[in-house]
Amino acid sequence: MESPAGDNFGLAAMSLTPAFQMDVTTPLGTAAMGKRIRIPVRFGLPAGEPPLRGARFKESGQYAKYAPAGPYWPDRALRMNASGFVAVNCFVASDQRLKNCRVATADGAEFGFPDSVLKMAEQGWMTAAPLEPGAPSPPDGVWRFEVSFPARRLGGF
């Protein structure tokens, strides 16, 4: 039985049959030749990065010059005029809040950028942008969000 039908998964599974081997007798000692067996074969997407999704950030006049991180911009990075980049993988709640975020990659970790992104997600400063109607969601519900931190100086740009 092929599911979903018509996508040639059945043919792909049948092409694997030369790789299967079986004893000619069952564990009870009876002949297995000519007997029907069922071997489930499941196909899935290769493991890789979650799909990229846009993020939204709160706006605050007081912290506008430090967008997107606002009050979460690391002080040390500001003092050192450092830049950075962080990608996190997160679940998205029904209210667009990010949950259970994990850092996937980061440049400038020594300046605290990964901690800032995790804090922005935790505190609701950064949320998921809405999806287009009918847009597919990843099967495991995990999305990737990227945040760039262009160099800024404390008190200015």
C-alpha atoms as a PDB file:
ATOM      1  CA  MET A   1       0.000   0.000   0.000  1.00  0.00           C
ATOM      2  CA  GLU A   2       1.424   3.386  -1.015  1.00  0.00           C
ATOM      3  CA  SER A   3       0.647   6.538   0.936  1.00  0.00           C
ATOM      4  CA  PRO A   4       0.298   9.126  -0.406  1.00  0.00           C
ATOM      5  CA  ALA A   5      -0.787   7.376  -3.586  1.00  0.00           C
ATOM      6  CA  GLY A   6       0.556   8.476  -6.950  1.00  0.00           C
ATOM      7  CA  ASP A   7       3.907   9.884  -5.790  1.00  0.00           C
ATOM      8  CA  ASN A   8       5.906   6.761  -6.788  1.00  0.00           C
ATOM      9  CA  PHE A   9       6.949   5.949  -3.227  1.00  0.00           C
ATOM     10  CA  GLY A  10       5.781   2.372  -3.836  1.00  0.00           C
ATOM     11  CA  LEU A  11       8.118   2.003  -6.809  1.00  0.00           C
ATOM     12  CA  ALA A  12      10.955   3.519  -4.800  1.00  0.00           C
ATOM     13  CA  ALA A  13      10.324   1.036  -1.971  1.00  0.00           C
ATOM     14  CA  MET A  14      10.209  -1.883  -4.408  1.00  0.00           C
ATOM     15  CA  SER A  15      13.561  -0.820  -5.854  1.00  0.00           C
ATOM     16  CA  LEU A  16      15.049  -1.544  -2.418  1.00  0.00           C
ATOM     17  CA  THR A  17      14.036  -5.244  -2.433  1.00  0.00           C
ATOM     18  CA  PRO A  18      17.415  -6.548  -3.693  1.00  0.00           C
ATOM     19  CA  ALA A  19      18.918  -5.223  -0.454  1.00  0.00           C
ATOM     20  CA  PHE A  20      16.620  -7.362   1.735  1.00  0.00           C
ATOM     21  CA  GLN A  21      17.610 -10.890   2.792  1.00  0.00           C
ATOM     22  CA  MET A  22      15.551 -13.437   4.656  1.00  0.00           C
ATOM     23  CA  ASP A  23      16.046 -16.941   6.026  1.00  0.00           C
ATOM     24  CA  VAL A  24      14.292 -19.638   3.986  1.00  0.00           C
ATOM     25  CA  THR A  25      12.611 -20.971   7.134  1.00  0.00           C
ATOM     26  CA  THR A  26      10.534 -19.242   9.775  1.00  0.00           C
ATOM     27  CA  PRO A  27      11.557 -19.293  13.460  1.00  0.00           C
ATOM     28  CA  LEU A  28       9.151 -22.287  13.822  1.00  0.00           C
ATOM     29  CA  GLY A  29      11.046 -24.234  11.130  1.00  0.00           C
ATOM     30  CA  THR A  30       8.414 -24.039   8.394  1.00  0.00           C
ATOM     31  CA  ALA A  31       9.263 -22.963   4.862  1.00  0.00           C
ATOM     32  CA  ALA A  32       9.176 -19.214   4.296  1.00  0.00           C
ATOM     33  CA  MET A  33       9.419 -19.458   0.519  1.00  0.00           C
ATOM     34  CA  GLY A  34       6.247 -18.230  -1.184  1.00  0.00           C
ATOM     35  CA  LYS A  35       4.916 -16.583   1.966  1.00  0.00           C
ATOM     36  CA  ARG A  36       3.838 -12.954   1.939  1.00  0.00           C
ATOM     37  CA  ILE A  37       5.648 -10.570   4.252  1.00  0.00           C
ATOM     38  CA  ARG A  38       5.098  -6.914   4.970  1.00  0.00           C
ATOM     39  CA  ILE A  39       8.018  -4.532   5.514  1.00  0.00           C
ATOM     40  CA  PRO A  40       7.070  -0.913   6.202  1.00  0.00           C
ATOM     41  CA  VAL A  41       9.298   1.605   4.400  1.00  0.00           C
ATOM     42  CA  ARG A  42       9.015   5.230   5.386  1.00  0.00           C
ATOM     43  CA  PHE A  43      10.536   8.060   3.392  1.00  0.00           C
ATOM     44  CA  GLY A  44      11.256  11.405   4.960  1.00  0.00           C
ATOM     45  CA  LEU A  45      13.058  14.612   4.235  1.00  0.00           C
ATOM     46  CA  PRO A  46      16.784  14.567   4.856  1.00  0.00           C
ATOM     47  CA  ALA A  47      17.908  16.044   8.143  1.00  0.00           C
ATOM     48  CA  GLY A  48      18.963  19.618   7.699  1.00  0.00           C
ATOM     49  CA  GLU A  49      18.244  23.132   8.676  1.00  0.00           C
ATOM     50  CA  PRO A  50      14.728  24.207   9.562  1.00  0.00           C
ATOM     51  CA  PRO A  51      13.049  26.580   7.114  1.00  0.00           C
ATOM     52  CA  LEU A  52      13.831  30.267   7.547  1.00  0.00           C
ATOM     53  CA  ARG A  53      11.061  32.493   8.886  1.00  0.00           C
ATOM     54  CA  GLY A  54      10.965  36.238   9.373  1.00  0.00           C
ATOM     55  CA  ALA A  55      11.036  37.784  12.815  1.00  0.00           C
ATOM     56  CA  ARG A  56       9.313  40.847  14.214  1.00  0.00           C
ATOM     57  CA  PHE A  57      10.799  43.045  16.906  1.00  0.00           C
ATOM     58  CA  LYS A  58       9.144  45.437  19.301  1.00  0.00           C
ATOM     59  CA  GLU A  59       9.708  49.076  18.555  1.00  0.00           C
ATOM     60  CA  SER A  60      10.731  51.582  21.136  1.00  0.00           C
ATOM     61  CA  GLY A  61      11.696  55.194  20.515  1.00  0.00           C
ATOM     62  CA  GLN A  62      14.140  55.025  23.387  1.00  0.00           C
ATOM     63  CA  TYR A  63      16.013  52.081  21.830  1.00  0.00           C
ATOM     64  CA  ALA A  64      15.344  52.721  18.126  1.00  0.00           C
ATOM     65  CA  LYS A  65      19.014  53.370  17.358  1.00  0.00           C
ATOM     66  CA  TYR A  66      19.812  49.867  18.651  1.00  0.00           C
ATOM     67  CA  ALA A  67      17.287  48.069  16.433  1.00  0.00           C
ATOM     68  CA  PRO A  68      16.580  45.221  16.176  1.00  0.00           C
ATOM     69  CA  ALA A  69      17.869  44.200  19.614  1.00  0.00           C
ATOM     70  CA  GLY A  70      16.835  47.385  21.400  1.00  0.00           C
ATOM     71  CA  PRO A  71      17.478  47.037  25.142  1.00  0.00           C
ATOM     72  CA  TYR A  72      18.908  43.532  24.595  1.00  0.00           C
ATOM     73  CA  TRP A  73      21.946  44.756  22.648  1.00  0.00           C
ATOM     74  CA  PRO A  74      25.009  43.468  24.570  1.00  0.00           C
ATOM     75  CA  ASP A  75      26.824  46.290  26.393  1.00  0.00           C
ATOM     76  CA  ARG A  76      30.244  44.813  25.677  1.00  0.00           C
ATOM     77  CA  ALA A  77      29.482  44.716  21.949  1.00  0.00           C
ATOM     78  CA  LEU A  78      28.455  48.379  22.056  1.00  0.00           C
ATOM     79  CA  ARG A  79      31.624  49.368  23.902  1.00  0.00           C
ATOM     80  CA  MET A  80      33.773  47.403  21.439  1.00  0.00           C
ATOM     81  CA  ASN A  81      31.848  48.492  18.301  1.00  0.00           C
ATOM     82  CA  ALA A  82      31.366  44.789  17.512  1.00  0.00           C
ATOM     83  CA  SER A  83      29.017  43.206  15.006  1.00  0.00           C
ATOM     84  CA  GLY A  84      27.502  39.741  15.043  1.00  0.00           C
ATOM     85  CA  PHE A  85      25.013  37.288  13.631  1.00  0.00           C
ATOM     86  CA  VAL A  86      22.882  34.645  15.345  1.00  0.00           C
ATOM     87  CA  ALA A  87      20.598  31.951  13.963  1.00  0.00           C
ATOM     88  CA  VAL A  88      18.221  30.203  16.364  1.00  0.00           C
ATOM     89  CA  ASN A  89      15.843  27.301  15.873  1.00  0.00           C
ATOM     90  CA  CYS A  90      12.529  27.751  17.694  1.00  0.00           C
ATOM     91  CA  PHE A  91       8.990  26.493  17.987  1.00  0.00           C
ATOM     92  CA  VAL A  92       6.303  29.112  17.328  1.00  0.00           C
ATOM     93  CA  ALA A  93       3.291  29.356  19.630  1.00  0.00           C
ATOM     94  CA  SER A  94      -0.174  30.303  18.344  1.00  0.00           C
ATOM     95  CA  ASP A  95       0.418  33.900  19.520  1.00  0.00           C
ATOM     96  CA  GLN A  96       3.636  34.041  17.397  1.00  0.00           C
ATOM     97  CA  ARG A  97       5.889  33.927  20.483  1.00  0.00           C
ATOM     98  CA  LEU A  98       9.073  31.902  20.119  1.00  0.00           C
ATOM     99  CA  LYS A  99       9.476  28.890  22.392  1.00  0.00           C
ATOM    100  CA  ASN A 100      12.325  26.514  23.237  1.00  0.00           C
ATOM    101  CA  CYS A 101      14.871  28.364  21.115  1.00  0.00           C
ATOM    102  CA  ARG A 102      18.306  26.870  20.594  1.00  0.00           C
ATOM    103  CA  VAL A 103      21.285  28.633  19.043  1.00  0.00           C
ATOM    104  CA  ALA A 104      22.147  27.017  15.697  1.00  0.00           C
ATOM    105  CA  THR A 105      25.044  29.268  14.722  1.00  0.00           C
ATOM    106  CA  ALA A 106      26.570  32.501  15.944  1.00  0.00           C
ATOM    107  CA  ASP A 107      29.270  34.963  14.979  1.00  0.00           C
ATOM    108  CA  GLY A 108      30.390  37.217  17.802  1.00  0.00           C
ATOM    109  CA  ALA A 109      29.430  34.859  20.611  1.00  0.00           C
ATOM    110  CA  GLU A 110      32.189  36.331  22.752  1.00  0.00           C
ATOM    111  CA  PHE A 111      30.253  39.616  22.799  1.00  0.00           C
ATOM    112  CA  GLY A 112      27.037  38.016  24.063  1.00  0.00           C
ATOM    113  CA  PHE A 113      24.945  38.090  20.875  1.00  0.00           C
ATOM    114  CA  PRO A 114      23.543  34.543  21.302  1.00  0.00           C
ATOM    115  CA  ASP A 115      22.392  35.273  24.855  1.00  0.00           C
ATOM    116  CA  SER A 116      20.756  38.486  23.636  1.00  0.00           C
ATOM    117  CA  VAL A 117      18.761  36.676  20.951  1.00  0.00           C
ATOM    118  CA  LEU A 118      17.618  33.990  23.395  1.00  0.00           C
ATOM    119  CA  LYS A 119      16.560  36.702  25.866  1.00  0.00           C
ATOM    120  CA  MET A 120      14.697  38.647  23.123  1.00  0.00           C
ATOM    121  CA  ALA A 121      12.752  35.487  22.258  1.00  0.00           C
ATOM    122  CA  GLU A 122      12.089  34.594  25.892  1.00  0.00           C
ATOM    123  CA  GLN A 123      10.851  38.092  26.771  1.00  0.00           C
ATOM    124  CA  GLY A 124       8.696  38.486  23.634  1.00  0.00           C
ATOM    125  CA  TRP A 125      10.814  41.322  22.161  1.00  0.00           C
ATOM    126  CA  MET A 126      11.289  39.099  19.090  1.00  0.00           C
ATOM    127  CA  THR A 127       8.337  37.123  17.719  1.00  0.00           C
ATOM    128  CA  ALA A 128       7.591  35.238  14.503  1.00  0.00           C
ATOM    129  CA  ALA A 129       6.294  37.143  11.515  1.00  0.00           C
ATOM    130  CA  PRO A 130       2.919  35.795  10.334  1.00  0.00           C
ATOM    131  CA  LEU A 131       2.957  33.223   7.554  1.00  0.00           C
ATOM    132  CA  GLU A 132       1.234  33.706   4.239  1.00  0.00           C
ATOM    133  CA  PRO A 133      -2.163  31.935   4.182  1.00  0.00           C
ATOM    134  CA  GLY A 134      -1.693  28.317   3.140  1.00  0.00           C
ATOM    135  CA  ALA A 135       2.091  28.387   3.606  1.00  0.00           C
ATOM    136  CA  PRO A 136       3.412  25.009   4.742  1.00  0.00           C
ATOM    137  CA  SER A 137       4.816  24.516   8.220  1.00  0.00           C
ATOM    138  CA  PRO A 138       7.738  22.210   8.960  1.00  0.00           C
ATOM    139  CA  PRO A 139       6.620  18.764  10.126  1.00  0.00           C
ATOM    140  CA  ASP A 140       8.487  19.063  13.423  1.00  0.00           C
ATOM    141  CA  GLY A 141       7.260  22.646  14.006  1.00  0.00           C
ATOM    142  CA  VAL A 142      10.781  24.106  14.221  1.00  0.00           C
ATOM    143  CA  TRP A 143      11.665  27.301  12.352  1.00  0.00           C
ATOM    144  CA  ARG A 144      14.971  29.149  11.923  1.00  0.00           C
ATOM    145  CA  PHE A 145      15.236  32.845  12.793  1.00  0.00           C
ATOM    146  CA  GLU A 146      18.252  34.983  11.956  1.00  0.00           C
ATOM    147  CA  VAL A 147      19.316  38.212  13.635  1.00  0.00           C
ATOM    148  CA  SER A 148      22.098  40.486  12.361  1.00  0.00           C
ATOM    149  CA  PHE A 149      23.821  42.927  14.669  1.00  0.00           C
ATOM    150  CA  PRO A 150      25.540  45.683  12.679  1.00  0.00           C
ATOM    151  CA  ALA A 151      28.288  47.450  14.610  1.00  0.00           C
ATOM    152  CA  ARG A 152      26.993  50.211  16.882  1.00  0.00           C
ATOM    153  CA  ARG A 153      28.669  52.470  19.374  1.00  0.00           C
ATOM    154  CA  LEU A 154      27.336  53.164  22.820  1.00  0.00           C
ATOM    155  CA  GLY A 155      25.353  56.397  22.535  1.00  0.00           C
ATOM    156  CA  GLY A 156      25.242  56.465  18.743  1.00  0.00           C
ATOM    157  CA  PHE A 157      25.805  54.691  15.443  1.00  0.00           C
END
